[in-house]
Amino acid sequence: MYIIKVKGKAKIPDYIQIRDENFVLVAYFRADRPMKNIEKFGLEGKEEALEALIKEIPFGKLQKLSL
């Protein structure tokens, strides 16, 4: 899976996209709110690591999601 942080503008907040190996969008959520149904993507128990990753990744840079 891949992750990208998208910069919001004006009243639109920053968002996180999680994409699968074919770059199909599987999750889209606000960067300042925790992701719901995280177990659906096999990331249960990794909430803190995902939150830390979201804070440190740069905007607009697609990265391999490895937690």
PDB file of N, CA and C in Angstrom:
ATOM      1  N   MET A   1       0.837  -1.174   0.000  1.00  0.00           N
ATOM      2  CA  MET A   1       0.000   0.000   0.000  1.00  0.00           C
ATOM      3  C   MET A   1       0.885   1.241   0.000  1.00  0.00           C
ATOM      4  N   TYR A   2       0.289   2.341  -0.434  1.00  0.00           N
ATOM      5  CA  TYR A   2       0.998   3.610  -0.524  1.00  0.00           C
ATOM      6  C   TYR A   2       0.211   4.674   0.224  1.00  0.00           C
ATOM      7  N   ILE A   3       0.913   5.721   0.673  1.00  0.00           N
ATOM      8  CA  ILE A   3       0.286   6.811   1.395  1.00  0.00           C
ATOM      9  C   ILE A   3       0.769   8.133   0.811  1.00  0.00           C
ATOM     10  N   ILE A   4      -0.143   9.110   0.778  1.00  0.00           N
ATOM     11  CA  ILE A   4       0.196  10.451   0.313  1.00  0.00           C
ATOM     12  C   ILE A   4      -0.591  11.459   1.149  1.00  0.00           C
ATOM     13  N   LYS A   5       0.067  12.562   1.503  1.00  0.00           N
ATOM     14  CA  LYS A   5      -0.593  13.637   2.247  1.00  0.00           C
ATOM     15  C   LYS A   5      -0.854  14.779   1.278  1.00  0.00           C
ATOM     16  N   VAL A   6      -2.119  15.197   1.211  1.00  0.00           N
ATOM     17  CA  VAL A   6      -2.555  16.228   0.274  1.00  0.00           C
ATOM     18  C   VAL A   6      -2.829  17.512   1.045  1.00  0.00           C
ATOM     19  N   LYS A   7      -2.209  18.605   0.623  1.00  0.00           N
ATOM     20  CA  LYS A   7      -2.350  19.902   1.284  1.00  0.00           C
ATOM     21  C   LYS A   7      -3.681  20.531   0.918  1.00  0.00           C
ATOM     22  N   GLY A   8      -4.436  20.939   1.936  1.00  0.00           N
ATOM     23  CA  GLY A   8      -5.693  21.643   1.719  1.00  0.00           C
ATOM     24  C   GLY A   8      -5.445  23.122   1.476  1.00  0.00           C
ATOM     25  N   LYS A   9      -6.467  23.813   0.988  1.00  0.00           N
ATOM     26  CA  LYS A   9      -6.357  25.241   0.734  1.00  0.00           C
ATOM     27  C   LYS A   9      -7.544  25.953   1.362  1.00  0.00           C
ATOM     28  N   ALA A  10      -7.296  27.123   1.915  1.00  0.00           N
ATOM     29  CA  ALA A  10      -8.317  27.946   2.550  1.00  0.00           C
ATOM     30  C   ALA A  10      -9.085  27.137   3.592  1.00  0.00           C
ATOM     31  N   LYS A  11     -10.360  26.876   3.353  1.00  0.00           N
ATOM     32  CA  LYS A  11     -11.176  26.155   4.331  1.00  0.00           C
ATOM     33  C   LYS A  11     -11.136  24.641   4.152  1.00  0.00           C
ATOM     34  N   ILE A  12     -10.462  24.163   3.136  1.00  0.00           N
ATOM     35  CA  ILE A  12     -10.360  22.722   2.891  1.00  0.00           C
ATOM     36  C   ILE A  12      -9.174  22.183   3.696  1.00  0.00           C
ATOM     37  N   PRO A  13      -9.407  21.186   4.560  1.00  0.00           N
ATOM     38  CA  PRO A  13      -8.311  20.668   5.402  1.00  0.00           C
ATOM     39  C   PRO A  13      -7.351  19.760   4.636  1.00  0.00           C
ATOM     40  N   ASP A  14      -6.230  19.442   5.278  1.00  0.00           N
ATOM     41  CA  ASP A  14      -5.275  18.483   4.728  1.00  0.00           C
ATOM     42  C   ASP A  14      -5.891  17.087   4.785  1.00  0.00           C
ATOM     43  N   TYR A  15      -5.604  16.270   3.780  1.00  0.00           N
ATOM     44  CA  TYR A  15      -6.146  14.923   3.710  1.00  0.00           C
ATOM     45  C   TYR A  15      -5.048  13.903   3.500  1.00  0.00           C
ATOM     46  N   ILE A  16      -5.358  12.671   3.870  1.00  0.00           N
ATOM     47  CA  ILE A  16      -4.467  11.537   3.667  1.00  0.00           C
ATOM     48  C   ILE A  16      -5.160  10.573   2.713  1.00  0.00           C
ATOM     49  N   GLN A  17      -4.419  10.072   1.744  1.00  0.00           N
ATOM     50  CA  GLN A  17      -4.924   9.032   0.843  1.00  0.00           C
ATOM     51  C   GLN A  17      -4.083   7.783   1.046  1.00  0.00           C
ATOM     52  N   ILE A  18      -4.751   6.643   1.133  1.00  0.00           N
ATOM     53  CA  ILE A  18      -4.061   5.356   1.158  1.00  0.00           C
ATOM     54  C   ILE A  18      -4.493   4.611  -0.094  1.00  0.00           C
ATOM     55  N   ARG A  19      -3.516   4.161  -0.863  1.00  0.00           N
ATOM     56  CA  ARG A  19      -3.787   3.489  -2.133  1.00  0.00           C
ATOM     57  C   ARG A  19      -3.172   2.089  -2.118  1.00  0.00           C
ATOM     58  N   ASP A  20      -3.794   1.175  -2.862  1.00  0.00           N
ATOM     59  CA  ASP A  20      -3.283  -0.196  -2.905  1.00  0.00           C
ATOM     60  C   ASP A  20      -2.158  -0.314  -3.921  1.00  0.00           C
ATOM     61  N   GLU A  21      -1.712  -1.526  -4.173  1.00  0.00           N
ATOM     62  CA  GLU A  21      -0.574  -1.769  -5.069  1.00  0.00           C
ATOM     63  C   GLU A  21      -0.848  -1.316  -6.508  1.00  0.00           C
ATOM     64  N   ASN A  22      -2.117  -1.232  -6.895  1.00  0.00           N
ATOM     65  CA  ASN A  22      -2.495  -0.758  -8.233  1.00  0.00           C
ATOM     66  C   ASN A  22      -2.836   0.725  -8.221  1.00  0.00           C
ATOM     67  N   PHE A  23      -2.526   1.408  -7.130  1.00  0.00           N
ATOM     68  CA  PHE A  23      -2.785   2.831  -6.919  1.00  0.00           C
ATOM     69  C   PHE A  23      -4.265   3.177  -6.901  1.00  0.00           C
ATOM     70  N   VAL A  24      -5.103   2.209  -6.580  1.00  0.00           N
ATOM     71  CA  VAL A  24      -6.533   2.451  -6.424  1.00  0.00           C
ATOM     72  C   VAL A  24      -6.757   3.000  -5.016  1.00  0.00           C
ATOM     73  N   LEU A  25      -7.539   4.064  -4.907  1.00  0.00           N
ATOM     74  CA  LEU A  25      -7.815   4.690  -3.626  1.00  0.00           C
ATOM     75  C   LEU A  25      -8.615   3.750  -2.739  1.00  0.00           C
ATOM     76  N   VAL A  26      -8.083   3.424  -1.555  1.00  0.00           N
ATOM     77  CA  VAL A  26      -8.792   2.541  -0.624  1.00  0.00           C
ATOM     78  C   VAL A  26      -9.214   3.273   0.644  1.00  0.00           C
ATOM     79  N   ALA A  27      -8.583   4.406   0.954  1.00  0.00           N
ATOM     80  CA  ALA A  27      -8.967   5.190   2.124  1.00  0.00           C
ATOM     81  C   ALA A  27      -8.623   6.654   1.872  1.00  0.00           C
ATOM     82  N   TYR A  28      -9.494   7.531   2.394  1.00  0.00           N
ATOM     83  CA  TYR A  28      -9.339   8.963   2.227  1.00  0.00           C
ATOM     84  C   TYR A  28      -9.889   9.595   3.495  1.00  0.00           C
ATOM     85  N   PHE A  29      -9.041  10.276   4.270  1.00  0.00           N
ATOM     86  CA  PHE A  29      -9.497  10.843   5.530  1.00  0.00           C
ATOM     87  C   PHE A  29      -8.700  12.089   5.869  1.00  0.00           C
ATOM     88  N   ARG A  30      -9.266  12.907   6.766  1.00  0.00           N
ATOM     89  CA  ARG A  30      -8.595  14.129   7.188  1.00  0.00           C
ATOM     90  C   ARG A  30      -7.346  13.799   7.984  1.00  0.00           C
ATOM     91  N   ALA A  31      -6.307  14.577   7.787  1.00  0.00           N
ATOM     92  CA  ALA A  31      -5.037  14.337   8.471  1.00  0.00           C
ATOM     93  C   ALA A  31      -5.134  14.609   9.966  1.00  0.00           C
ATOM     94  N   ASP A  32      -6.057  15.475  10.373  1.00  0.00           N
ATOM     95  CA  ASP A  32      -6.168  15.829  11.790  1.00  0.00           C
ATOM     96  C   ASP A  32      -7.164  14.962  12.547  1.00  0.00           C
ATOM     97  N   ARG A  33      -7.774  13.989  11.888  1.00  0.00           N
ATOM     98  CA  ARG A  33      -8.730  13.094  12.548  1.00  0.00           C
ATOM     99  C   ARG A  33      -8.281  11.649  12.355  1.00  0.00           C
ATOM    100  N   PRO A  34      -8.480  10.839  13.384  1.00  0.00           N
ATOM    101  CA  PRO A  34      -8.072   9.434  13.238  1.00  0.00           C
ATOM    102  C   PRO A  34      -8.907   8.700  12.205  1.00  0.00           C
ATOM    103  N   MET A  35      -8.290   7.741  11.564  1.00  0.00           N
ATOM    104  CA  MET A  35      -8.959   6.943  10.545  1.00  0.00           C
ATOM    105  C   MET A  35      -9.896   5.939  11.199  1.00  0.00           C
ATOM    106  N   LYS A  36     -11.094   5.829  10.670  1.00  0.00           N
ATOM    107  CA  LYS A  36     -12.058   4.854  11.173  1.00  0.00           C
ATOM    108  C   LYS A  36     -11.934   3.570  10.358  1.00  0.00           C
ATOM    109  N   ASN A  37     -12.326   2.450  10.968  1.00  0.00           N
ATOM    110  CA  ASN A  37     -12.297   1.143  10.305  1.00  0.00           C
ATOM    111  C   ASN A  37     -10.899   0.779   9.806  1.00  0.00           C
ATOM    112  N   ILE A  38      -9.899   1.100  10.596  1.00  0.00           N
ATOM    113  CA  ILE A  38      -8.507   0.852  10.201  1.00  0.00           C
ATOM    114  C   ILE A  38      -8.222  -0.645  10.041  1.00  0.00           C
ATOM    115  N   GLU A  39      -8.976  -1.483  10.772  1.00  0.00           N
ATOM    116  CA  GLU A  39      -8.756  -2.931  10.675  1.00  0.00           C
ATOM    117  C   GLU A  39      -9.122  -3.474   9.299  1.00  0.00           C
ATOM    118  N   LYS A  40      -9.950  -2.758   8.571  1.00  0.00           N
ATOM    119  CA  LYS A  40     -10.355  -3.173   7.227  1.00  0.00           C
ATOM    120  C   LYS A  40      -9.158  -3.210   6.273  1.00  0.00           C
ATOM    121  N   PHE A  41      -8.116  -2.475   6.596  1.00  0.00           N
ATOM    122  CA  PHE A  41      -6.941  -2.387   5.732  1.00  0.00           C
ATOM    123  C   PHE A  41      -5.738  -3.113   6.315  1.00  0.00           C
ATOM    124  N   GLY A  42      -5.964  -3.879   7.378  1.00  0.00           N
ATOM    125  CA  GLY A  42      -4.878  -4.643   7.991  1.00  0.00           C
ATOM    126  C   GLY A  42      -3.920  -3.795   8.804  1.00  0.00           C
ATOM    127  N   LEU A  43      -4.385  -2.652   9.292  1.00  0.00           N
ATOM    128  CA  LEU A  43      -3.520  -1.742  10.042  1.00  0.00           C
ATOM    129  C   LEU A  43      -3.902  -1.647  11.512  1.00  0.00           C
ATOM    130  N   GLU A  44      -4.732  -2.577  12.009  1.00  0.00           N
ATOM    131  CA  GLU A  44      -5.127  -2.520  13.418  1.00  0.00           C
ATOM    132  C   GLU A  44      -3.907  -2.712  14.308  1.00  0.00           C
ATOM    133  N   GLY A  45      -3.888  -1.958  15.402  1.00  0.00           N
ATOM    134  CA  GLY A  45      -2.751  -2.007  16.312  1.00  0.00           C
ATOM    135  C   GLY A  45      -1.598  -1.118  15.891  1.00  0.00           C
ATOM    136  N   LYS A  46      -1.710  -0.473  14.756  1.00  0.00           N
ATOM    137  CA  LYS A  46      -0.629   0.377  14.242  1.00  0.00           C
ATOM    138  C   LYS A  46      -1.054   1.842  14.168  1.00  0.00           C
ATOM    139  N   GLU A  47      -2.095   2.200  14.951  1.00  0.00           N
ATOM    140  CA  GLU A  47      -2.634   3.551  14.905  1.00  0.00           C
ATOM    141  C   GLU A  47      -1.595   4.604  15.278  1.00  0.00           C
ATOM    142  N   GLU A  48      -0.823   4.348  16.336  1.00  0.00           N
ATOM    143  CA  GLU A  48       0.185   5.324  16.773  1.00  0.00           C
ATOM    144  C   GLU A  48       1.284   5.494  15.736  1.00  0.00           C
ATOM    145  N   ALA A  49       1.725   4.405  15.144  1.00  0.00           N
ATOM    146  CA  ALA A  49       2.762   4.476  14.113  1.00  0.00           C
ATOM    147  C   ALA A  49       2.242   5.214  12.888  1.00  0.00           C
ATOM    148  N   LEU A  50       0.990   4.966  12.516  1.00  0.00           N
ATOM    149  CA  LEU A  50       0.396   5.649  11.369  1.00  0.00           C
ATOM    150  C   LEU A  50       0.255   7.143  11.641  1.00  0.00           C
ATOM    151  N   GLU A  51      -0.161   7.495  12.855  1.00  0.00           N
ATOM    152  CA  GLU A  51      -0.296   8.897  13.229  1.00  0.00           C
ATOM    153  C   GLU A  51       1.053   9.614  13.185  1.00  0.00           C
ATOM    154  N   ALA A  52       2.099   8.971  13.675  1.00  0.00           N
ATOM    155  CA  ALA A  52       3.446   9.549  13.640  1.00  0.00           C
ATOM    156  C   ALA A  52       3.923   9.723  12.199  1.00  0.00           C
ATOM    157  N   LEU A  53       3.641   8.738  11.352  1.00  0.00           N
ATOM    158  CA  LEU A  53       4.026   8.813   9.943  1.00  0.00           C
ATOM    159  C   LEU A  53       3.321   9.973   9.250  1.00  0.00           C
ATOM    160  N   ILE A  54       2.040  10.150   9.532  1.00  0.00           N
ATOM    161  CA  ILE A  54       1.255  11.226   8.920  1.00  0.00           C
ATOM    162  C   ILE A  54       1.840  12.585   9.279  1.00  0.00           C
ATOM    163  N   LYS A  55       2.319  12.742  10.511  1.00  0.00           N
ATOM    164  CA  LYS A  55       2.892  14.021  10.936  1.00  0.00           C
ATOM    165  C   LYS A  55       4.214  14.327  10.238  1.00  0.00           C
ATOM    166  N   GLU A  56       4.977  13.297   9.893  1.00  0.00           N
ATOM    167  CA  GLU A  56       6.322  13.545   9.367  1.00  0.00           C
ATOM    168  C   GLU A  56       6.442  13.508   7.846  1.00  0.00           C
ATOM    169  N   ILE A  57       5.495  12.878   7.133  1.00  0.00           N
ATOM    170  CA  ILE A  57       5.647  12.800   5.680  1.00  0.00           C
ATOM    171  C   ILE A  57       5.378  14.155   5.041  1.00  0.00           C
ATOM    172  N   PRO A  58       6.087  14.467   3.977  1.00  0.00           N
ATOM    173  CA  PRO A  58       5.872  15.747   3.294  1.00  0.00           C
ATOM    174  C   PRO A  58       4.602  15.709   2.441  1.00  0.00           C
ATOM    175  N   PHE A  59       4.069  16.880   2.150  1.00  0.00           N
ATOM    176  CA  PHE A  59       2.883  16.976   1.306  1.00  0.00           C
ATOM    177  C   PHE A  59       3.215  16.610  -0.136  1.00  0.00           C
ATOM    178  N   GLY A  60       2.297  15.887  -0.783  1.00  0.00           N
ATOM    179  CA  GLY A  60       2.404  15.594  -2.200  1.00  0.00           C
ATOM    180  C   GLY A  60       3.430  14.555  -2.590  1.00  0.00           C
ATOM    181  N   LYS A  61       3.994  13.843  -1.642  1.00  0.00           N
ATOM    182  CA  LYS A  61       5.022  12.850  -1.935  1.00  0.00           C
ATOM    183  C   LYS A  61       4.460  11.460  -1.654  1.00  0.00           C
ATOM    184  N   LEU A  62       4.271  10.674  -2.700  1.00  0.00           N
ATOM    185  CA  LEU A  62       3.760   9.313  -2.575  1.00  0.00           C
ATOM    186  C   LEU A  62       4.830   8.427  -1.980  1.00  0.00           C
ATOM    187  N   GLN A  63       4.478   7.693  -0.908  1.00  0.00           N
ATOM    188  CA  GLN A  63       5.442   6.844  -0.236  1.00  0.00           C
ATOM    189  C   GLN A  63       4.862   5.456  -0.009  1.00  0.00           C
ATOM    190  N   LYS A  64       5.721   4.472  -0.018  1.00  0.00           N
ATOM    191  CA  LYS A  64       5.331   3.103   0.299  1.00  0.00           C
ATOM    192  C   LYS A  64       4.955   3.064   1.779  1.00  0.00           C
ATOM    193  N   LEU A  65       3.796   2.512   2.098  1.00  0.00           N
ATOM    194  CA  LEU A  65       3.333   2.429   3.474  1.00  0.00           C
ATOM    195  C   LEU A  65       3.875   1.149   4.097  1.00  0.00           C
ATOM    196  N   SER A  66       4.826   1.315   4.996  1.00  0.00           N
ATOM    197  CA  SER A  66       5.410   0.167   5.687  1.00  0.00           C
ATOM    198  C   SER A  66       5.486   0.485   7.165  1.00  0.00           C
ATOM    199  N   LEU A  67       4.596  -0.124   7.938  1.00  0.00           N
ATOM    200  CA  LEU A  67       4.560   0.112   9.380  1.00  0.00           C
ATOM    201  C   LEU A  67       4.962  -1.138  10.124  1.00  0.00           C
TER     202      LEU A  67
END
